[in-house]
């Protein structure tokens, strides 16, 4: 058995995630579902997501529609109460340095765009759809491996603009000193947020109820720290309807 809630894991949230998982485990035990004692927060993402003994994890919309849709079952989507988004949805801010006077996305066309992964909905797919709808894309791309590193790369001058997961940006503004050197240029349109998934052999309805109950039982301080509001159901068709960007062709700087 394996479980992970690594998508918004940070050292500051380790305790809250552990207590959240303990409540989920209690709820799952009540309906006869065995669970691992601890979360595999540092395990490689696809090793977790594609594990046939997956109890629960959180993935991203783009990996789901490209690689996982026939291998896992959707459980539900956490609602983080993000502004200008319906429940369970999120969007991506384009961030630039706070002292950069440029005001339009097109002004950054010839600059370095930092992104976490080419299979990221918030870091690559959503910003690609948004920018190209305005006739813009970036000539120089910097793949960083994480939203946090993308944001830091803009702050320290290794890149000029980046697109981030909206929830991750919220956490960056809370915990990272470099956030004061950044500002949001503009936002993408909302898309379905990061869903919880389980192995095909598990009952998603039982797991949905267990997670929802665990959220309701969370201590107010943990609920606030994790920004959890509720768990909602977004149809698989809504995830699959989101367009995919073409493969990356630009050279990295």
Protein backbone atom coordinates (compact mmCIF):
# COMPACT_ATOMS: atom_id res chain seq x y z
CA UNK A 1 0.00 0.00 0.00
CA UNK A 2 1.08 3.55 -0.69
CA UNK A 3 -0.36 7.03 -0.23
CA UNK A 4 0.93 10.53 -0.83
CA UNK A 5 -0.30 14.11 -0.61
CA UNK A 6 2.87 15.62 -2.00
CA UNK A 7 1.51 18.26 -4.35
CA UNK A 8 1.31 21.04 -1.76
CA UNK A 9 3.76 19.59 0.75
CA UNK A 10 6.07 22.03 2.48
CA UNK A 11 8.17 21.69 5.67
CA UNK A 12 5.86 24.18 7.39
CA UNK A 13 2.84 21.96 6.62
CA UNK A 14 4.34 18.59 7.54
CA UNK A 15 2.52 18.39 10.87
CA UNK A 16 -0.81 19.47 9.41
CA UNK A 17 -0.53 16.92 6.60
CA UNK A 18 0.34 14.17 9.08
CA UNK A 19 -2.68 14.95 11.24
CA UNK A 20 -4.91 15.16 8.15
CA UNK A 21 -3.67 11.76 7.01
CA UNK A 22 -4.26 10.28 10.48
CA UNK A 23 -7.90 11.36 10.26
CA UNK A 24 -8.25 9.95 6.75
CA UNK A 25 -6.80 6.65 7.98
CA UNK A 26 -9.34 6.48 10.79
CA UNK A 27 -12.18 7.13 8.38
CA UNK A 28 -10.92 4.56 5.89
CA UNK A 29 -10.45 1.96 8.63
CA UNK A 30 -14.10 2.42 9.56
CA UNK A 31 -15.12 1.29 6.05
CA UNK A 32 -12.63 -1.58 5.88
CA UNK A 33 -9.92 0.02 3.74
CA UNK A 34 -6.33 -0.64 4.83
CA UNK A 35 -3.83 2.21 4.63
CA UNK A 36 -0.12 2.78 5.13
CA UNK A 37 0.77 4.40 8.42
CA UNK A 38 2.70 7.25 6.84
CA UNK A 39 2.56 9.25 3.62
CA UNK A 40 5.25 8.70 0.98
CA UNK A 41 5.72 12.41 0.43
CA UNK A 42 9.17 12.14 -1.16
CA UNK A 43 8.49 9.22 -3.49
CA UNK A 44 8.64 9.94 -7.26
CA UNK A 45 5.20 11.08 -8.36
CA UNK A 46 4.54 8.57 -11.13
CA UNK A 47 5.79 5.69 -8.97
CA UNK A 48 3.03 6.62 -6.53
CA UNK A 49 0.31 7.36 -9.08
CA UNK A 50 0.84 4.19 -11.11
CA UNK A 51 1.29 1.87 -8.13
CA UNK A 52 -1.39 -0.86 -8.24
CA UNK A 53 -1.63 -0.61 -4.44
CA UNK A 54 -2.33 3.12 -4.43
CA UNK A 55 -4.75 4.07 -1.65
CA UNK A 56 -4.78 7.82 -2.16
CA UNK A 57 -2.75 10.52 -3.84
CA UNK A 58 -3.15 13.87 -5.53
CA UNK A 59 -2.20 14.38 -9.15
CA UNK A 60 -2.36 17.18 -11.72
CA UNK A 61 -4.93 17.45 -14.48
CA UNK A 62 -2.46 17.12 -17.33
CA UNK A 63 -0.79 13.88 -16.12
CA UNK A 64 -4.28 12.53 -15.47
CA UNK A 65 -5.54 13.10 -18.99
CA UNK A 66 -2.27 12.14 -20.70
CA UNK A 67 -1.12 9.12 -18.70
CA UNK A 68 -3.35 8.13 -15.78
CA UNK A 69 -6.97 8.24 -16.92
CA UNK A 70 -7.08 4.50 -17.68
CA UNK A 71 -4.91 3.49 -14.72
CA UNK A 72 -6.56 5.21 -11.76
CA UNK A 73 -9.98 6.31 -10.51
CA UNK A 74 -10.87 9.87 -9.59
CA UNK A 75 -11.96 10.31 -5.99
CA UNK A 76 -12.70 14.03 -5.82
CA UNK A 77 -11.06 17.43 -5.96
CA UNK A 78 -10.13 19.47 -2.88
CA UNK A 79 -11.54 22.97 -2.80
CA UNK A 80 -9.01 25.50 -1.52
CA UNK A 81 -11.28 28.52 -1.79
CA UNK A 82 -9.10 30.20 -4.40
CA UNK A 83 -10.30 33.64 -5.53
CA UNK A 84 -12.20 33.98 -8.83
CA UNK A 85 -12.55 30.19 -9.06
CA UNK A 86 -15.54 27.95 -8.55
CA UNK A 87 -15.17 25.18 -5.98
CA UNK A 88 -12.37 22.76 -6.89
CA UNK A 89 -10.95 24.96 -9.66
CA UNK A 90 -7.69 26.89 -9.80
CA UNK A 91 -5.78 29.18 -12.12
CA UNK A 92 -2.20 30.24 -12.76
CA UNK A 93 -0.57 33.59 -12.10
CA UNK A 94 2.14 34.83 -14.43
CA UNK A 95 4.68 36.30 -12.02
CA UNK A 96 7.42 38.79 -12.84
CA UNK A 97 9.84 40.80 -10.73
CA UNK A 98 8.14 43.48 -8.67
CA UNK A 99 10.42 46.20 -10.07
CA UNK A 100 9.92 45.19 -13.71
CA UNK A 101 7.85 48.01 -15.25
CA UNK A 102 6.46 46.02 -18.17
CA UNK A 103 2.70 45.62 -18.10
CA UNK A 104 1.79 43.31 -21.00
CA UNK A 105 2.47 39.61 -21.53
CA UNK A 106 3.70 40.38 -25.05
CA UNK A 107 6.47 42.51 -23.51
CA UNK A 108 8.07 39.27 -22.24
CA UNK A 109 7.98 37.30 -25.50
CA UNK A 110 11.75 37.42 -25.95
CA UNK A 111 12.54 36.80 -22.29
CA UNK A 112 13.12 33.60 -20.29
CA UNK A 113 9.94 31.81 -19.21
CA UNK A 114 10.38 29.44 -16.24
CA UNK A 115 8.07 26.47 -15.78
CA UNK A 116 8.12 23.42 -13.56
CA UNK A 117 7.36 20.51 -15.89
CA UNK A 118 6.08 20.11 -19.47
CA UNK A 119 3.27 17.87 -18.14
CA UNK A 120 2.06 20.50 -15.65
CA UNK A 121 -1.41 21.96 -16.15
CA UNK A 122 -0.76 25.11 -14.14
CA UNK A 123 2.90 25.55 -15.03
CA UNK A 124 2.76 24.86 -18.75
CA UNK A 125 -0.60 23.87 -20.30
CA UNK A 126 -2.73 26.70 -18.88
CA UNK A 127 -0.14 29.42 -19.52
CA UNK A 128 0.42 28.10 -23.04
CA UNK A 129 -3.32 28.27 -23.80
CA UNK A 130 -3.59 31.73 -22.24
CA UNK A 131 -0.53 33.23 -23.94
CA UNK A 132 -1.15 31.78 -27.39
CA UNK A 133 -4.74 33.05 -27.29
CA UNK A 134 -3.10 36.48 -27.27
CA UNK A 135 -0.68 35.60 -30.04
CA UNK A 136 2.24 35.28 -27.63
CA UNK A 137 4.64 32.52 -26.66
CA UNK A 138 8.14 32.60 -25.27
CA UNK A 139 11.33 32.08 -27.24
CA UNK A 140 13.38 30.88 -24.28
CA UNK A 141 12.18 28.26 -21.80
CA UNK A 142 13.71 27.22 -18.48
CA UNK A 143 12.46 23.96 -16.96
CA UNK A 144 13.00 24.12 -13.21
CA UNK A 145 11.35 21.02 -11.73
CA UNK A 146 9.06 22.84 -9.28
CA UNK A 147 6.84 25.90 -9.03
CA UNK A 148 8.84 27.12 -6.05
CA UNK A 149 12.07 27.04 -8.04
CA UNK A 150 10.38 28.76 -10.99
CA UNK A 151 9.27 31.61 -8.75
CA UNK A 152 12.73 31.85 -7.14
CA UNK A 153 14.33 31.89 -10.60
CA UNK A 154 12.34 34.98 -11.51
CA UNK A 155 13.12 36.66 -8.19
CA UNK A 156 16.87 36.12 -8.54
CA UNK A 157 17.08 36.96 -12.25
CA UNK A 158 17.62 33.52 -13.79
CA UNK A 159 14.28 33.95 -15.54
CA UNK A 160 12.03 36.90 -16.30
CA UNK A 161 8.54 35.41 -16.05
CA UNK A 162 6.97 32.20 -14.75
CA UNK A 163 3.54 30.62 -14.42
CA UNK A 164 2.64 28.92 -11.15
CA UNK A 165 -0.09 26.86 -9.55
CA UNK A 166 -2.41 29.36 -7.86
CA UNK A 167 -2.43 27.45 -4.58
CA UNK A 168 1.36 27.16 -4.62
CA UNK A 169 1.60 30.90 -5.22
CA UNK A 170 -0.57 31.45 -2.15
CA UNK A 171 1.86 29.33 -0.10
CA UNK A 172 4.87 31.10 -1.58
CA UNK A 173 3.48 34.46 -0.49
CA UNK A 174 3.02 33.03 3.01
CA UNK A 175 6.37 31.34 3.50
CA UNK A 176 9.03 32.51 1.04
CA UNK A 177 11.04 35.68 1.64
CA UNK A 178 11.65 36.10 -2.08
CA UNK A 179 7.91 36.56 -2.69
CA UNK A 180 8.24 40.28 -1.91
CA UNK A 181 10.36 40.62 -5.05
CA UNK A 182 7.56 39.30 -7.27
CA UNK A 183 4.20 40.54 -8.56
CA UNK A 184 1.40 38.99 -10.59
CA UNK A 185 1.26 40.26 -14.17
CA UNK A 186 -1.99 38.46 -15.05
CA UNK A 187 -3.93 35.23 -14.49
CA UNK A 188 -5.03 32.35 -16.69
CA UNK A 189 -8.63 31.17 -16.86
CA UNK A 190 -9.64 28.61 -14.20
CA UNK A 191 -9.41 24.88 -14.92
CA UNK A 192 -10.27 21.84 -12.75
CA UNK A 193 -7.92 21.62 -9.78
CA UNK A 194 -5.61 18.86 -8.64
CA UNK A 195 -7.73 15.72 -8.10
CA UNK A 196 -7.36 12.96 -5.54
CA UNK A 197 -6.96 9.54 -7.16
CA UNK A 198 -6.92 5.90 -6.09
CA UNK A 199 -6.17 2.55 -7.70
CA UNK A 200 -8.80 1.09 -10.04
CA UNK A 201 -9.51 -1.70 -7.55
CA UNK A 202 -10.64 0.66 -4.76
CA UNK A 203 -14.09 2.12 -4.10
CA UNK A 204 -13.88 5.86 -4.82
CA UNK A 205 -17.19 6.63 -3.09
CA UNK A 206 -15.99 5.20 0.22
CA UNK A 207 -12.73 7.11 -0.09
CA UNK A 208 -14.53 10.35 -1.03
CA UNK A 209 -16.68 10.12 2.09
CA UNK A 210 -13.68 9.30 4.26
CA UNK A 211 -11.70 12.30 3.01
CA UNK A 212 -14.69 14.62 3.30
CA UNK A 213 -15.26 13.47 6.87
CA UNK A 214 -11.57 13.95 7.66
CA UNK A 215 -11.69 17.51 6.35
CA UNK A 216 -14.69 18.26 8.54
CA UNK A 217 -12.85 16.84 11.57
CA UNK A 218 -9.62 18.75 11.03
CA UNK A 219 -8.63 21.16 13.77
CA UNK A 220 -9.36 24.75 12.66
CA UNK A 221 -5.67 25.64 12.63
CA UNK A 222 -4.79 22.66 10.40
CA UNK A 223 -7.71 23.33 8.10
CA UNK A 224 -6.58 26.94 7.79
CA UNK A 225 -2.94 25.97 7.24
CA UNK A 226 -3.88 23.57 4.44
CA UNK A 227 -6.51 25.99 3.09
CA UNK A 228 -8.96 23.10 2.82
CA UNK A 229 -12.63 23.96 2.43
CA UNK A 230 -14.23 20.74 1.20
CA UNK A 231 -14.02 17.95 -1.35
CA UNK A 232 -16.02 18.27 -4.56
CA UNK A 233 -16.74 16.01 -7.53
CA UNK A 234 -15.59 17.21 -10.94
CA UNK A 235 -16.39 14.78 -13.78
CA UNK A 236 -13.52 13.06 -15.54
CA UNK A 237 -14.87 14.49 -18.80
CA UNK A 238 -14.14 18.00 -17.54
CA UNK A 239 -10.49 17.11 -17.00
CA UNK A 240 -10.21 15.38 -20.36
CA UNK A 241 -11.74 18.36 -22.17
CA UNK A 242 -8.85 20.67 -21.23
CA UNK A 243 -6.53 21.14 -24.24
CA UNK A 244 -2.94 19.90 -24.21
CA UNK A 245 -0.07 22.07 -25.45
CA UNK A 246 2.25 20.81 -28.20
CA UNK A 247 5.55 19.26 -27.24
CA UNK A 248 8.23 21.74 -26.29
CA UNK A 249 10.30 22.81 -29.28
CA UNK A 250 12.06 25.94 -28.04
CA UNK A 251 15.62 25.60 -26.80
CA UNK A 252 16.28 26.16 -23.14
CA UNK A 253 18.61 29.08 -22.39
